[in-house]
Every structure is written in C-alpha cells, then in structure tokens.
Amino acid sequence: MKNKLSDLNDHLFAQLERLSDEDLKGQLLEEEIERSKAITGVSKEVVSNARLVLDAEKYKREHGMTTGPKMLE
C-alpha cells in the first residue's frame, strides 16, 4: 500500500461531501455519521504518525545524524 497524506486529504473531503448530501436522512445518515467518526479516528492516528516521522527527521538533521531507527526509514 502506497498511500500518501494527500490521499488522506482526498478521503476526508470525499467524506465531507457525503455528509453534505441533503438527501441523506434517517438510518443512512446515522451510518454515514458513524463512518465519519471511524475515518476521523484513523485519520488522527495517521497524522500523529506522520508528525512522529517528521520530528525524528528534524532531530536527525539538527544533531548531524545520518541514520535513525529502522522503523522510521
């Protein structure tokens, strides 16, 4: 899987569009709201992980390191 943060952005806007559908009512609306909550939760974790990788890269550069933990490569 080769997803990028720009893909996440696309997914979030697509979900926003689905929630904005004025014809969505009742149970279908409730299901879409639950889906949105799940997407939001996963999205927060993806962003948090991206922040960790960015912070590690900044740390490496600030301290003149050429390598870091293997899991961040």
C-alpha atoms as a PDB file:
ATOM      1  CA  MET A   1       0.000   0.000   0.000  1.00  0.00           C
ATOM      2  CA  LYS A   2       1.463   3.358  -1.033  1.00  0.00           C
ATOM      3  CA  ASN A   3      -0.911   5.915   0.465  1.00  0.00           C
ATOM      4  CA  LYS A   4       0.189   9.499   0.975  1.00  0.00           C
ATOM      5  CA  LEU A   5      -1.106  12.278   3.188  1.00  0.00           C
ATOM      6  CA  SER A   6      -2.616  13.879   0.091  1.00  0.00           C
ATOM      7  CA  ASP A   7      -4.717  10.707  -0.329  1.00  0.00           C
ATOM      8  CA  LEU A   8      -5.941  11.107   3.231  1.00  0.00           C
ATOM      9  CA  ASN A   9      -6.946  14.670   2.438  1.00  0.00           C
ATOM     10  CA  ASP A  10      -8.922  13.444  -0.581  1.00  0.00           C
ATOM     11  CA  HIS A  11     -10.707  10.839   1.548  1.00  0.00           C
ATOM     12  CA  LEU A  12     -11.618  13.404   4.181  1.00  0.00           C
ATOM     13  CA  PHE A  13     -13.085  15.796   1.635  1.00  0.00           C
ATOM     14  CA  ALA A  14     -14.989  12.951  -0.029  1.00  0.00           C
ATOM     15  CA  GLN A  15     -16.477  12.030   3.342  1.00  0.00           C
ATOM     16  CA  LEU A  16     -17.413  15.658   3.936  1.00  0.00           C
ATOM     17  CA  GLU A  17     -19.236  15.673   0.607  1.00  0.00           C
ATOM     18  CA  ARG A  18     -21.151  12.503   1.571  1.00  0.00           C
ATOM     19  CA  LEU A  19     -22.183  14.108   4.858  1.00  0.00           C
ATOM     20  CA  SER A  20     -23.306  17.226   2.998  1.00  0.00           C
ATOM     21  CA  ASP A  21     -25.804  15.258   0.897  1.00  0.00           C
ATOM     22  CA  GLU A  22     -29.143  16.790   1.887  1.00  0.00           C
ATOM     23  CA  ASP A  23     -30.990  13.698   0.636  1.00  0.00           C
ATOM     24  CA  LEU A  24     -29.246  11.529   3.223  1.00  0.00           C
ATOM     25  CA  LYS A  25     -31.660  11.004   6.098  1.00  0.00           C
ATOM     26  CA  GLY A  26     -32.555   8.645   8.909  1.00  0.00           C
ATOM     27  CA  GLN A  27     -30.607   5.417   9.214  1.00  0.00           C
ATOM     28  CA  LEU A  28     -28.445   6.148   6.169  1.00  0.00           C
ATOM     29  CA  LEU A  29     -27.387   9.472   7.689  1.00  0.00           C
ATOM     30  CA  GLU A  30     -26.624   7.777  11.015  1.00  0.00           C
ATOM     31  CA  GLU A  31     -24.488   5.177   9.232  1.00  0.00           C
ATOM     32  CA  GLU A  32     -22.585   7.907   7.403  1.00  0.00           C
ATOM     33  CA  ILE A  33     -22.006   9.750  10.673  1.00  0.00           C
ATOM     34  CA  GLU A  34     -20.598   6.561  12.237  1.00  0.00           C
ATOM     35  CA  ARG A  35     -18.380   6.055   9.196  1.00  0.00           C
ATOM     36  CA  SER A  36     -17.158   9.636   9.584  1.00  0.00           C
ATOM     37  CA  LYS A  37     -16.258   9.013  13.216  1.00  0.00           C
ATOM     38  CA  ALA A  38     -14.237   5.943  12.231  1.00  0.00           C
ATOM     39  CA  ILE A  39     -12.474   7.811   9.428  1.00  0.00           C
ATOM     40  CA  THR A  40     -11.691  10.684  11.776  1.00  0.00           C
ATOM     41  CA  GLY A  41     -10.196   8.329  14.351  1.00  0.00           C
ATOM     42  CA  VAL A  42      -7.949   6.594  11.844  1.00  0.00           C
ATOM     43  CA  SER A  43      -7.010   9.925  10.268  1.00  0.00           C
ATOM     44  CA  LYS A  44      -5.838  11.303  13.605  1.00  0.00           C
ATOM     45  CA  GLU A  45      -3.546   8.304  14.044  1.00  0.00           C
ATOM     46  CA  VAL A  46      -2.131   8.685  10.523  1.00  0.00           C
ATOM     47  CA  VAL A  47      -1.408  12.371  11.137  1.00  0.00           C
ATOM     48  CA  SER A  48       0.124  11.596  14.529  1.00  0.00           C
ATOM     49  CA  ASN A  49       2.403   9.003  12.941  1.00  0.00           C
ATOM     50  CA  ALA A  50       3.412  11.453  10.194  1.00  0.00           C
ATOM     51  CA  ARG A  51       4.256  14.023  12.876  1.00  0.00           C
ATOM     52  CA  LEU A  52       6.463  11.472  14.655  1.00  0.00           C
ATOM     53  CA  VAL A  53       8.370  10.718  11.443  1.00  0.00           C
ATOM     54  CA  LEU A  54       8.798  14.435  10.722  1.00  0.00           C
ATOM     55  CA  ASP A  55      10.014  15.128  14.264  1.00  0.00           C
ATOM     56  CA  ALA A  56      12.508  12.251  14.026  1.00  0.00           C
ATOM     57  CA  GLU A  57      13.818  13.593  10.719  1.00  0.00           C
ATOM     58  CA  LYS A  58      14.230  17.084  12.206  1.00  0.00           C
ATOM     59  CA  TYR A  59      16.064  15.611  15.194  1.00  0.00           C
ATOM     60  CA  LYS A  60      18.433  13.680  12.923  1.00  0.00           C
ATOM     61  CA  ARG A  61      19.265  16.793  10.908  1.00  0.00           C
ATOM     62  CA  GLU A  62      19.711  19.010  13.956  1.00  0.00           C
ATOM     63  CA  HIS A  63      22.146  16.527  15.503  1.00  0.00           C
ATOM     64  CA  GLY A  64      24.038  15.619  12.338  1.00  0.00           C
ATOM     65  CA  MET A  65      22.853  12.035  12.340  1.00  0.00           C
ATOM     66  CA  THR A  66      22.749  10.110   9.082  1.00  0.00           C
ATOM     67  CA  THR A  67      20.569   7.237  10.279  1.00  0.00           C
ATOM     68  CA  GLY A  68      17.761   6.747  12.729  1.00  0.00           C
ATOM     69  CA  PRO A  69      15.597   3.913  13.949  1.00  0.00           C
ATOM     70  CA  LYS A  70      14.919   1.392  11.169  1.00  0.00           C
ATOM     71  CA  MET A  71      11.142   1.593  11.657  1.00  0.00           C
ATOM     72  CA  LEU A  72      11.235   5.249  10.576  1.00  0.00           C
ATOM     73  CA  GLU A  73      13.039   4.556   7.305  1.00  0.00           C
END
